[in-house]
Protein backbone atom coordinates (compact mmCIF):
# COMPACT_ATOMS: atom_id res chain seq x y z
CA MET A 1 -0.10 0.12 -0.02
CA ILE A 2 1.13 3.63 -0.75
CA ILE A 3 -0.19 6.75 0.55
CA LYS A 4 0.62 9.74 -1.45
CA ASN A 5 -0.04 13.63 -1.61
CA ALA A 6 -0.35 13.87 2.08
CA VAL A 7 1.21 16.21 4.65
CA VAL A 8 2.97 13.61 6.77
CA ARG A 9 4.33 14.72 9.94
CA SER A 10 6.94 11.95 10.58
CA VAL A 11 7.79 12.88 14.12
CA ASN A 12 11.48 11.62 13.59
CA SER A 13 14.37 13.26 14.99
CA HIS A 14 14.16 16.44 12.65
CA ASP A 15 10.34 16.61 12.68
CA ASP A 16 10.54 16.10 8.71
CA VAL A 17 7.42 16.86 6.81
CA LEU A 18 6.95 14.45 4.07
CA GLU A 19 4.60 13.72 1.27
CA ALA A 20 4.25 10.00 1.14
CA PHE A 21 5.06 6.43 2.51
CA ALA A 22 4.64 2.79 1.48
CA VAL A 23 3.39 0.08 4.05
CA LYS A 24 4.35 -3.46 3.70
CA ASP A 25 3.75 -6.34 6.06
CA GLY A 26 2.14 -4.12 8.69
CA LYS A 27 5.33 -1.79 8.64
CA PHE A 28 6.54 1.32 6.97
CA ALA A 29 8.66 0.29 4.15
CA ALA A 30 9.67 3.71 3.04
CA VAL A 31 8.95 7.34 3.89
CA GLY A 32 9.77 10.41 1.61
CA SER A 33 8.74 12.39 -1.60
CA ASN A 34 5.81 11.32 -3.71
CA SER A 35 8.38 10.65 -6.40
CA ASP A 36 10.55 8.69 -3.97
CA VAL A 37 7.60 6.59 -2.78
CA MET A 38 6.06 6.13 -5.98
CA ASN A 39 9.10 4.47 -7.50
CA LEU A 40 7.97 1.36 -5.32
CA ASP A 41 4.58 1.16 -7.33
CA ALA A 42 4.00 -2.25 -8.69
CA PRO A 43 1.05 -4.52 -9.91
CA GLY A 44 -1.26 -5.16 -7.18
CA VAL A 45 -0.08 -2.15 -5.00
CA ARG A 46 -2.92 -0.30 -3.52
CA ILE A 47 -2.42 3.32 -3.86
CA ILE A 48 -4.50 5.88 -1.72
CA ASP A 49 -4.52 9.58 -2.66
CA ALA A 50 -4.49 11.55 0.54
CA GLY A 51 -5.67 14.67 -1.11
CA GLY A 52 -3.26 17.22 1.00
CA ARG A 53 -4.65 15.78 4.02
CA ALA A 54 -2.40 15.38 7.13
CA VAL A 55 -1.44 12.11 8.21
CA LEU A 56 0.43 11.55 11.76
CA PRO A 57 1.79 8.82 13.80
CA GLY A 58 -1.13 6.87 15.76
CA PHE A 59 -1.69 8.53 18.89
CA ASN A 60 -0.77 7.11 22.23
CA ASP A 61 -2.80 7.81 25.46
CA ALA A 62 -0.17 6.52 27.68
CA HIS A 63 -2.28 6.47 30.80
CA CYS A 64 -6.22 5.79 30.60
CA HIS A 65 -8.44 2.93 31.49
CA LEU A 66 -9.52 1.39 28.33
CA LEU A 67 -11.08 -1.52 29.95
CA SER A 68 -10.48 -1.31 33.57
CA LEU A 69 -12.89 1.70 33.93
CA ARG A 70 -13.95 3.09 30.51
CA GLY A 71 -14.87 -0.36 28.97
CA LYS A 72 -17.10 -1.23 32.23
CA GLN A 73 -18.54 2.29 32.12
CA LEU A 74 -19.75 1.74 28.65
CA LEU A 75 -21.86 -1.38 30.21
CA GLN A 76 -23.30 1.02 32.78
CA ALA A 77 -25.99 3.74 32.44
CA ASP A 78 -24.51 6.90 31.15
CA CYS A 79 -24.99 9.84 33.45
CA GLY A 80 -22.40 12.02 31.81
CA PRO A 81 -22.67 16.05 31.29
CA ASP A 82 -24.15 15.35 27.71
CA LYS A 83 -26.79 13.27 28.97
CA VAL A 84 -28.15 14.70 32.31
CA LYS A 85 -28.58 18.07 33.27
CA ASN A 86 -29.45 17.91 37.01
CA ILE A 87 -29.92 15.29 39.76
CA ALA A 88 -33.61 14.70 38.65
CA ASP A 89 -32.25 13.62 35.09
CA ILE A 90 -29.75 11.07 36.91
CA ILE A 91 -32.51 9.78 38.93
CA SER A 92 -34.48 9.22 35.72
CA VAL A 93 -31.63 7.68 33.84
CA LEU A 94 -31.12 5.19 36.72
CA ARG A 95 -34.81 4.41 36.97
CA LYS A 96 -34.78 3.05 33.37
CA ARG A 97 -31.82 1.00 34.00
CA ALA A 98 -33.56 -0.43 37.18
CA GLU A 99 -36.57 -1.62 35.06
CA HIS A 100 -34.40 -3.86 33.38
CA THR A 101 -32.14 -5.01 36.34
CA HIS A 102 -33.29 -8.04 38.27
CA ALA A 103 -34.49 -7.36 41.61
CA GLY A 104 -31.68 -7.20 44.30
CA ASP A 105 -29.02 -6.55 41.82
CA TRP A 106 -27.09 -3.45 41.50
CA VAL A 107 -28.04 -0.43 39.24
CA LEU A 108 -24.98 0.92 38.08
CA GLY A 109 -24.19 4.46 36.71
CA GLY A 110 -21.23 6.37 35.89
CA SER A 111 -19.76 9.44 34.20
CA TYR A 112 -21.51 12.11 36.14
CA ASP A 113 -19.81 15.38 36.87
CA TYR A 114 -20.98 17.38 39.69
CA SER A 115 -19.55 20.80 38.82
CA LYS A 116 -21.66 20.69 35.54
CA LEU A 117 -24.97 19.64 37.22
CA GLU A 118 -27.56 22.41 37.67
CA GLU A 119 -27.16 21.96 41.55
CA LYS A 120 -23.40 22.15 41.42
CA ARG A 121 -23.31 19.31 44.21
CA HIS A 122 -23.27 15.54 44.19
CA PRO A 123 -26.45 13.52 44.57
CA THR A 124 -27.18 11.96 47.88
CA ALA A 125 -28.25 8.67 49.13
CA SER A 126 -31.59 9.67 50.00
CA GLU A 127 -31.79 11.11 46.32
CA LEU A 128 -30.63 7.62 44.85
CA ASP A 129 -33.24 5.94 47.21
CA GLN A 130 -35.93 7.47 44.69
CA VAL A 131 -34.44 5.35 41.69
CA SER A 132 -35.69 2.09 43.20
CA ASP A 133 -36.95 0.30 46.56
CA ARG A 134 -35.86 -3.06 45.10
CA HIS A 135 -32.13 -2.49 44.08
CA PRO A 136 -28.66 -1.13 45.42
CA VAL A 137 -27.49 1.76 43.48
CA HIS A 138 -23.96 2.85 42.94
CA LEU A 139 -23.14 6.00 40.65
CA ARG A 140 -19.59 6.64 40.12
CA SER A 141 -18.29 10.14 39.23
CA GLN A 142 -16.31 11.06 36.24
CA THR A 143 -13.12 11.11 38.44
CA CYS A 144 -14.02 7.61 39.71
CA HIS A 145 -12.14 9.00 42.98
CA CYS A 146 -15.51 9.43 44.57
CA GLY A 147 -19.04 8.29 44.00
CA VAL A 148 -22.61 7.86 45.78
CA VAL A 149 -24.26 4.81 46.96
CA ASN A 150 -28.09 4.60 47.93
CA SER A 151 -29.03 3.45 51.69
CA ALA A 152 -29.98 -0.16 50.09
CA GLY A 153 -26.17 -0.28 48.84
CA LEU A 154 -24.75 1.13 52.12
CA LYS A 155 -26.68 -1.42 54.14
CA ILE A 156 -25.39 -4.43 51.98
CA ALA A 157 -21.72 -2.93 52.68
CA GLY A 158 -22.38 -3.04 56.47
CA ILE A 159 -21.80 0.98 56.29
CA ASN A 160 -23.63 3.00 58.76
CA ASN A 161 -23.22 6.51 60.50
CA ASP A 162 -21.00 4.86 63.12
CA THR A 163 -18.62 3.10 60.41
CA ALA A 164 -15.09 4.52 60.65
CA ASN A 165 -13.33 5.61 57.71
CA PRO A 166 -10.87 3.39 55.88
CA PRO A 167 -7.25 4.11 55.74
CA GLY A 168 -7.07 6.79 52.72
CA GLY A 169 -10.67 7.35 52.21
CA GLU A 170 -13.82 8.99 53.57
CA PHE A 171 -17.28 8.05 53.96
CA VAL A 172 -18.86 11.74 53.81
CA ARG A 173 -21.20 12.95 56.53
CA ASP A 174 -23.52 15.73 57.04
CA LYS A 175 -22.90 18.32 59.82
CA ASN A 176 -25.15 15.99 62.15
CA GLY A 177 -22.83 13.14 61.33
CA LYS A 178 -25.38 11.14 59.15
CA LEU A 179 -23.92 9.47 56.02
CA THR A 180 -24.59 11.42 52.95
CA GLY A 181 -23.83 8.48 50.49
CA LEU A 182 -20.75 10.09 48.98
CA CYS A 183 -17.64 7.83 49.31
CA LEU A 184 -14.14 9.38 48.67
CA GLU A 185 -10.93 7.40 47.50
CA GLU A 186 -10.49 4.03 49.37
CA ALA A 187 -13.93 4.37 50.91
CA HIS A 188 -15.28 4.48 47.22
CA PHE A 189 -13.29 1.89 45.80
CA GLN A 190 -14.87 -0.76 47.70
CA PHE A 191 -17.68 -0.30 45.24
CA VAL A 192 -15.86 -0.30 41.97
CA THR A 193 -15.00 -3.49 40.48
CA GLY A 194 -11.35 -3.98 39.13
CA MET A 195 -9.73 -1.47 41.81
CA GLY A 196 -7.67 -4.55 43.43
CA MET A 197 -10.23 -4.73 46.44
CA GLU A 198 -10.77 -8.48 47.44
CA GLY A 199 -14.41 -8.92 48.00
CA SER A 200 -15.83 -5.48 46.23
CA PHE A 201 -19.44 -5.06 47.16
CA VAL A 202 -20.41 -4.96 43.53
CA PRO A 203 -20.17 -8.14 41.77
CA ALA A 204 -17.51 -8.29 38.99
CA TYR A 205 -18.30 -8.75 35.20
CA SER A 206 -17.94 -11.73 33.49
CA VAL A 207 -15.21 -12.51 31.02
CA ASN A 208 -17.46 -12.34 28.17
CA GLN A 209 -19.02 -9.01 29.11
CA LEU A 210 -15.39 -7.68 29.35
CA VAL A 211 -14.45 -8.89 25.91
CA GLU A 212 -17.54 -6.94 24.72
CA ALA A 213 -16.39 -4.04 26.67
CA VAL A 214 -12.80 -3.98 25.19
CA GLY A 215 -14.39 -4.23 21.64
CA ILE A 216 -16.55 -1.15 22.16
CA ALA A 217 -13.80 0.98 24.07
CA CYS A 218 -11.15 0.13 21.43
CA ARG A 219 -13.32 1.29 18.57
CA GLU A 220 -14.17 4.51 20.69
CA SER A 221 -10.28 5.15 21.04
CA ALA A 222 -10.01 4.62 17.34
CA SER A 223 -12.19 7.34 16.60
CA PHE A 224 -9.71 9.65 18.23
CA GLY A 225 -6.83 8.52 16.30
CA ILE A 226 -5.56 6.33 19.13
CA THR A 227 -3.61 3.12 18.32
CA SER A 228 -1.76 2.50 21.57
CA VAL A 229 -2.72 2.95 25.20
CA GLY A 230 -1.80 2.20 28.77
CA ASP A 231 -4.44 0.60 30.89
CA GLY A 232 -3.61 1.88 34.41
CA LEU A 233 -5.74 -0.47 36.40
CA VAL A 234 -5.32 -3.93 35.51
CA GLY A 235 -5.90 -7.16 37.27
CA PRO A 236 -6.38 -10.97 36.68
CA PRO A 237 -10.00 -10.27 35.12
CA GLU A 238 -8.67 -7.61 33.06
CA ILE A 239 -5.77 -9.56 31.84
CA GLU A 240 -8.02 -12.61 30.99
CA ALA A 241 -10.33 -10.54 29.03
CA TYR A 242 -7.52 -8.77 27.15
CA GLN A 243 -6.01 -12.22 26.22
CA ALA A 244 -9.33 -13.29 25.20
CA ALA A 245 -10.21 -10.29 23.32
CA LEU A 246 -6.72 -10.77 21.30
CA GLU A 247 -7.42 -14.31 20.38
CA SER A 248 -10.89 -13.27 19.20
CA GLY A 249 -9.86 -10.19 17.28
CA ASN A 250 -11.58 -7.81 19.50
CA LEU A 251 -8.38 -6.07 20.45
CA SER A 252 -7.79 -3.37 17.97
CA CYS A 253 -5.44 -1.06 20.14
CA ARG A 254 -2.30 -1.83 21.62
CA VAL A 255 -2.22 -2.33 25.13
CA TYR A 256 0.34 -1.71 28.01
CA MET A 257 -1.29 -3.53 30.80
CA ASN A 258 -0.03 -1.53 34.04
CA VAL A 259 -1.06 -4.19 37.09
CA LEU A 260 -2.25 -3.10 40.39
CA ASP A 261 0.09 -3.60 43.21
CA THR A 262 -2.23 -5.81 44.83
CA TYR A 263 -1.26 -8.46 42.28
CA PHE A 264 2.55 -7.91 42.34
CA GLU A 265 3.21 -10.95 44.62
CA ARG A 266 1.23 -13.23 41.77
CA MET A 267 3.41 -11.40 39.04
CA LYS A 268 6.56 -12.29 40.79
CA ALA A 269 5.41 -16.08 41.72
CA LEU A 270 4.87 -16.21 37.83
CA GLY A 271 8.27 -14.28 36.82
CA VAL A 272 6.40 -11.69 34.78
CA LYS A 273 8.16 -8.60 34.23
CA THR A 274 7.49 -5.42 32.67
CA GLY A 275 7.90 -5.80 28.73
CA PHE A 276 6.42 -9.40 28.86
CA GLY A 277 4.27 -9.98 25.75
CA ASN A 278 3.96 -8.87 22.04
CA GLU A 279 3.37 -5.54 20.25
CA MET A 280 -0.51 -6.04 20.78
CA LEU A 281 -0.58 -6.99 24.55
CA ARG A 282 2.34 -6.59 26.93
CA PHE A 283 2.74 -6.42 30.55
CA GLY A 284 3.75 -2.81 31.69
CA ALA A 285 4.25 -1.27 35.03
CA VAL A 286 3.21 -2.22 38.80
CA LYS A 287 0.68 0.51 39.69
CA SER A 288 0.01 2.25 42.78
CA PHE A 289 -1.66 5.07 44.41
CA VAL A 290 -0.37 7.42 46.80
CA ASP A 291 -2.87 10.20 46.93
CA GLY A 292 -6.39 11.09 45.45
CA ALA A 293 -7.50 13.16 42.70
CA ILE A 294 -7.22 16.76 41.22
CA ALA A 295 -10.88 17.28 40.08
CA ALA A 296 -12.31 15.74 43.25
CA HIS A 297 -9.99 17.79 45.33
CA THR A 298 -8.45 14.85 47.44
CA ALA A 299 -4.78 15.37 45.84
CA TRP A 300 -2.18 15.46 48.60
CA LEU A 301 -0.90 19.03 49.14
CA SER A 302 1.80 20.92 51.16
CA GLU A 303 -0.46 23.95 51.47
CA PRO A 304 -4.09 23.75 52.25
CA TYR A 305 -6.78 24.12 49.39
CA THR A 306 -8.00 27.67 49.07
CA ASP A 307 -11.53 27.01 49.70
CA ARG A 308 -10.95 24.74 52.79
CA PRO A 309 -8.72 25.90 55.40
CA GLY A 310 -6.77 23.26 56.91
CA TYR A 311 -7.59 20.67 54.30
CA PHE A 312 -4.57 19.33 52.43
CA GLY A 313 -6.17 16.36 50.74
CA ILE A 314 -6.07 12.63 51.04
CA PRO A 315 -2.68 10.62 51.16
CA THR A 316 -3.76 6.72 50.52
CA LYS A 317 -0.30 5.39 51.30
CA THR A 318 2.50 6.14 53.81
CA ALA A 319 5.92 6.89 53.02
CA ASP A 320 7.11 3.62 54.38
CA GLU A 321 4.48 1.54 52.32
CA THR A 322 5.53 3.60 49.32
CA GLU A 323 9.08 2.89 49.63
CA SER A 324 8.69 -0.79 50.27
CA PHE A 325 6.78 -1.16 47.18
CA VAL A 326 9.02 0.67 44.90
CA MET A 327 11.93 -1.17 46.23
CA ASP A 328 10.50 -4.39 45.82
CA ALA A 329 9.54 -3.72 42.14
CA HIS A 330 12.86 -1.95 41.38
CA LEU A 331 14.86 -4.68 42.48
CA ASN A 332 12.67 -7.18 40.68
CA GLY A 333 13.20 -5.44 37.38
CA CYS A 334 9.75 -3.92 37.15
CA GLN A 335 8.76 -0.71 36.30
CA VAL A 336 6.37 1.31 38.69
CA GLU A 337 3.67 3.82 37.58
CA ILE A 338 2.59 5.55 40.69
CA HIS A 339 -0.69 7.77 40.88
CA ALA A 340 0.65 11.17 42.58
CA ASN A 341 -0.97 14.43 41.91
CA GLY A 342 -0.15 16.80 44.96
CA ASP A 343 3.36 17.95 45.62
CA LEU A 344 3.54 15.85 48.91
CA ALA A 345 2.50 12.79 46.96
CA ILE A 346 5.21 13.43 44.23
CA ASP A 347 7.84 14.44 46.76
CA MET A 348 7.07 10.64 48.45
CA VAL A 349 7.53 8.68 45.14
CA LEU A 350 10.60 10.60 44.18
CA THR A 351 11.91 9.71 47.65
CA ALA A 352 11.10 6.14 47.35
CA VAL A 353 12.56 6.03 43.71
CA GLU A 354 15.88 7.86 44.88
CA LYS A 355 16.30 5.34 47.66
CA ALA A 356 15.92 2.36 45.12
CA GLN A 357 18.16 3.83 42.64
CA LYS A 358 20.72 4.20 45.35
CA GLN A 359 20.64 0.52 46.05
CA ASN A 360 20.60 -0.44 42.33
CA PRO A 361 21.17 2.55 40.00
CA TRP A 362 18.86 1.13 37.18
CA LYS A 363 17.37 4.07 35.66
CA LEU A 364 16.50 2.07 32.57
CA LEU A 365 13.50 0.85 34.16
CA ARG A 366 11.98 4.31 33.47
CA HIS A 367 9.77 4.58 36.41
CA ARG A 368 6.53 6.67 35.76
CA ILE A 369 4.32 9.28 37.81
CA ALA A 370 1.05 9.18 36.61
CA HIS A 371 -0.39 12.62 36.57
CA CYS A 372 2.39 14.32 38.62
CA THR A 373 0.14 17.45 38.83
CA VAL A 374 1.21 19.92 41.30
CA ILE A 375 5.04 20.68 40.83
CA ASN A 376 7.77 23.22 41.69
CA ASP A 377 11.35 23.70 40.71
CA GLN A 378 12.74 21.44 43.40
CA LEU A 379 10.49 18.51 42.18
CA LEU A 380 11.57 19.32 38.68
CA ARG A 381 15.13 18.85 39.48
CA ARG A 382 14.66 15.41 41.25
CA ILE A 383 12.33 14.28 38.56
CA LYS A 384 15.27 14.95 35.80
CA ASP A 385 17.87 13.50 38.09
CA THR A 386 15.87 10.09 38.65
CA GLY A 387 14.86 9.72 35.10
CA VAL A 388 11.14 9.28 36.18
CA ILE A 389 8.72 9.99 33.33
CA PRO A 390 5.69 12.34 34.25
CA LEU A 391 2.32 11.42 32.52
CA PRO A 392 0.48 14.70 33.11
CA PHE A 393 -3.30 15.20 32.10
CA THR A 394 -3.91 16.45 28.65
CA THR A 395 -7.70 17.17 28.57
CA TYR A 396 -8.15 18.60 32.12
CA VAL A 397 -7.56 22.06 31.46
CA TRP A 398 -10.29 22.12 28.90
CA GLU A 399 -12.66 19.74 30.61
CA HIS A 400 -12.23 20.31 34.41
CA GLY A 401 -10.85 23.86 34.30
CA GLU A 402 -13.70 25.30 36.30
CA LYS A 403 -12.55 23.08 39.18
CA MET A 404 -9.21 24.47 39.53
CA SER A 405 -9.87 27.80 41.46
CA ALA A 406 -9.30 25.47 44.93
CA TYR A 407 -5.79 25.41 43.81
CA GLY A 408 -5.01 29.05 43.69
CA ALA A 409 -1.67 30.16 42.28
CA ARG A 410 -0.73 26.65 42.27
CA ILE A 411 -2.12 26.24 38.77
CA GLU A 412 0.91 27.99 37.35
CA ASN A 413 2.68 24.81 38.07
CA MET A 414 -0.11 22.28 37.18
CA PHE A 415 -0.39 19.99 34.09
CA ALA A 416 3.36 21.52 33.52
CA HIS A 417 4.02 20.30 30.16
CA ARG A 418 6.18 23.51 29.47
CA SER A 419 8.03 23.21 32.67
CA PHE A 420 8.94 19.38 31.99
CA LEU A 421 10.02 19.89 28.26
CA ASP A 422 12.11 23.22 29.33
CA SER A 423 13.85 20.98 31.81
CA GLY A 424 14.55 18.00 29.36
CA ILE A 425 12.14 15.94 30.84
CA PRO A 426 10.62 13.10 28.61
CA VAL A 427 6.69 13.33 28.90
CA ALA A 428 3.96 11.02 27.82
CA ALA A 429 0.30 11.88 27.26
CA SER A 430 -2.56 10.91 29.63
CA SER A 431 -6.32 11.47 29.26
CA ASP A 432 -6.85 9.35 32.17
CA ASN A 433 -10.21 8.58 30.48
CA PRO A 434 -12.93 8.20 31.67
CA CYS A 435 -11.76 10.78 34.30
CA GLY A 436 -11.00 13.06 31.53
CA MET A 437 -12.12 12.80 27.73
CA GLN A 438 -9.99 10.89 25.37
CA ASP A 439 -10.55 13.11 22.37
CA VAL A 440 -6.89 13.88 21.13
CA MET A 441 -7.51 16.93 19.12
CA THR A 442 -9.25 18.68 22.13
CA ALA A 443 -6.15 17.62 24.42
CA ILE A 444 -3.72 19.27 21.89
CA GLN A 445 -5.69 22.52 21.85
CA ALA A 446 -5.96 22.44 25.53
CA MET A 447 -2.15 21.94 26.04
CA VAL A 448 -1.44 24.42 23.24
CA THR A 449 -4.19 27.40 24.69
CA ARG A 450 -4.62 26.39 28.20
CA ILE A 451 -8.21 27.72 27.73
CA SER A 452 -11.00 25.63 29.39
CA SER A 453 -14.25 25.00 27.78
CA GLY A 454 -15.79 27.84 30.23
CA GLY A 455 -13.30 30.43 28.69
CA LEU A 456 -10.81 30.61 31.74
CA ASN A 457 -7.06 30.93 31.00
CA ILE A 458 -5.67 27.99 33.19
CA GLY A 459 -1.98 28.67 33.73
CA PRO A 460 -0.95 30.19 30.50
CA GLY A 461 2.87 29.85 31.43
CA GLN A 462 2.61 26.19 30.62
CA ARG A 463 1.43 26.64 27.13
CA ILE A 464 3.44 24.51 24.63
CA THR A 465 3.46 24.33 20.65
CA ALA A 466 1.20 22.15 18.75
CA GLU A 467 4.09 20.32 17.34
CA GLN A 468 5.33 19.61 20.95
CA ALA A 469 2.07 18.34 21.89
CA VAL A 470 1.99 15.83 18.69
CA ARG A 471 5.43 14.73 20.00
CA ILE A 472 4.09 13.86 23.52
CA TYR A 473 0.98 11.92 22.05
CA THR A 474 3.19 9.91 19.71
CA MET A 475 7.01 9.30 20.53
CA GLY A 476 6.50 10.52 24.16
CA GLY A 477 4.26 7.29 24.96
CA ALA A 478 6.64 5.05 22.92
CA TYR A 479 9.34 6.25 24.94
CA ALA A 480 7.51 5.62 28.35
CA THR A 481 7.19 1.95 27.39
CA LYS A 482 10.56 1.50 26.08
CA GLU A 483 9.22 0.94 22.51
CA GLU A 484 10.40 4.08 20.75
CA ASP A 485 12.42 1.78 18.17
CA ILE A 486 9.09 0.26 16.98
CA LYS A 487 6.47 2.89 17.06
CA GLY A 488 5.69 6.45 17.74
CA SER A 489 6.99 7.93 14.43
CA ILE A 490 6.33 7.39 10.58
CA GLU A 491 9.68 5.94 9.81
CA ALA A 492 10.91 2.86 7.57
CA GLY A 493 10.81 -0.23 9.78
CA LYS A 494 8.43 0.86 12.29
CA LEU A 495 4.90 -0.48 12.99
CA ALA A 496 2.54 1.30 10.34
CA ASP A 497 0.36 2.88 12.81
CA PHE A 498 -0.98 6.12 11.51
CA VAL A 499 -4.11 8.42 11.56
CA ILE A 500 -5.55 10.71 8.71
CA LEU A 501 -6.86 13.87 9.40
CA ASP A 502 -8.70 16.74 7.47
CA ARG A 503 -6.14 19.45 8.49
CA ASP A 504 -2.83 19.76 10.12
CA PRO A 505 -2.82 20.50 13.85
CA VAL A 506 0.42 22.03 13.71
CA THR A 507 -0.40 24.84 11.23
CA SER A 508 -4.20 25.20 12.21
CA ASP A 509 -5.61 27.96 14.23
CA PRO A 510 -4.89 26.91 17.82
CA PHE A 511 -8.64 27.65 18.94
CA GLY A 512 -9.91 25.33 16.17
CA ILE A 513 -7.74 22.42 16.81
CA ARG A 514 -10.54 20.42 18.59
CA GLU A 515 -12.71 20.87 15.44
CA ILE A 516 -10.24 18.85 13.30
CA LYS A 517 -11.95 15.75 12.01
CA ILE A 518 -10.36 12.38 12.17
CA PHE A 519 -11.03 10.68 8.79
CA GLU A 520 -9.26 7.30 9.18
CA THR A 521 -7.16 5.30 11.96
CA TRP A 522 -4.67 2.47 10.63
CA LEU A 523 -3.17 -0.03 12.69
CA GLU A 524 -0.32 -2.22 11.28
CA GLY A 525 -1.41 -1.16 7.90
CA ARG A 526 -5.01 -2.21 8.57
CA LYS A 527 -7.83 0.33 8.87
CA ILE A 528 -9.55 0.16 12.18
CA PHE A 529 -11.71 3.41 11.98
CA GLU A 530 -13.41 5.49 9.26
CA ALA A 531 -15.43 8.57 9.76
């Protein structure tokens, strides 16, 4: 196959812009000018005239939750901002789901964003009680770091007004000490399947259901031009489902499976390490959490939130626990990916990595910090020195900008793509989908303009160029998985993953990038999406 008359952004070491390329046996066979590549024309070779459209390497969402959260969410009732406007709408959506759910079984909903509801607050247990008197109900927020459970669900879980908060979590109560139904962090994860909690109160999905979810989620990702992802929340059920999806042909996206620390002992017993697998499905980092979420205002900070004096967020692990985990993984030759948003959380992770590297200076593992949101100059120097790769949010400025006022002046050092690049720190892209939208064009616009969907200017000093944003979404992700030699750019010998767009985001009006259309997405020379 030959693609000609294109604006081919190679994202090679020179950022060459070329005209054409040839694909053979799933790899780029040649890249260059139209005349160079057309010399390879022969009988039976398919020729596609791109008509001047832009062609970029396939995008890599290095930290999202393709199956572990998003795929499962696609099997649940959708209460996202485009579906509901207020709490009454949520109740209506969940009632319809209850009508088709066996009595006593859980009614599950997801994707609600309290800041976009008319009430500007979370629903309560008593409001979810209106859904049904025959079902427990769990409503997961868009961030997944919090959610609401109705009275029946709390009763099944044995949670009442006298129940103590679990370490790293909170059952929120009103001023009278009564449960509101809102659960934060570790308190919420007890109701989310796939979070590594043994004995989750919500029954797990079957393998067949998960394989179906993989297919749906892959097709959705392909519509954004995504050909590779890191799934940041994988356990045995997800591994089994991914393998089954690969064997059945339902897996149309390359997946780097980041396995929860809960299962690390099993990995060690099996002798499984980072990188085990093939180009479609590979074991990645061992994943852990040390604090909460930016949008849920549970990130662990050194200075309090501006709207809650004395409140610093929620640490979910101690320094000793973090250091023990990192040392264990490091000495066993496994990459770690640790969720850390606040500056105190990032500091704790870096201290653990520094101690591990002092015992064995093994920087080639390329440990990762998922999100790495609130940084400062000292943290930047330490990230650079340790070789840790940050995976900052890409769409949060656009989607969650209106929630950022609680961070005050710290917003200038959040989602810090400019600071990372200026410090010579490799960066990979992360939508954290479904906690953030996966739309790559919206992400690039947000990274370039730092303007939210509501028109707020969010930390303009962290703006980067569109060309830099494209590199973060391609070679950045490949480097983070030590696969920069086989993917991430359009170069001869690399996997033929690419996306065709109607316009070049690098030369487009920055405020119109999110309007760019994805025409086609190709994986290994095979079309997996067409608009």
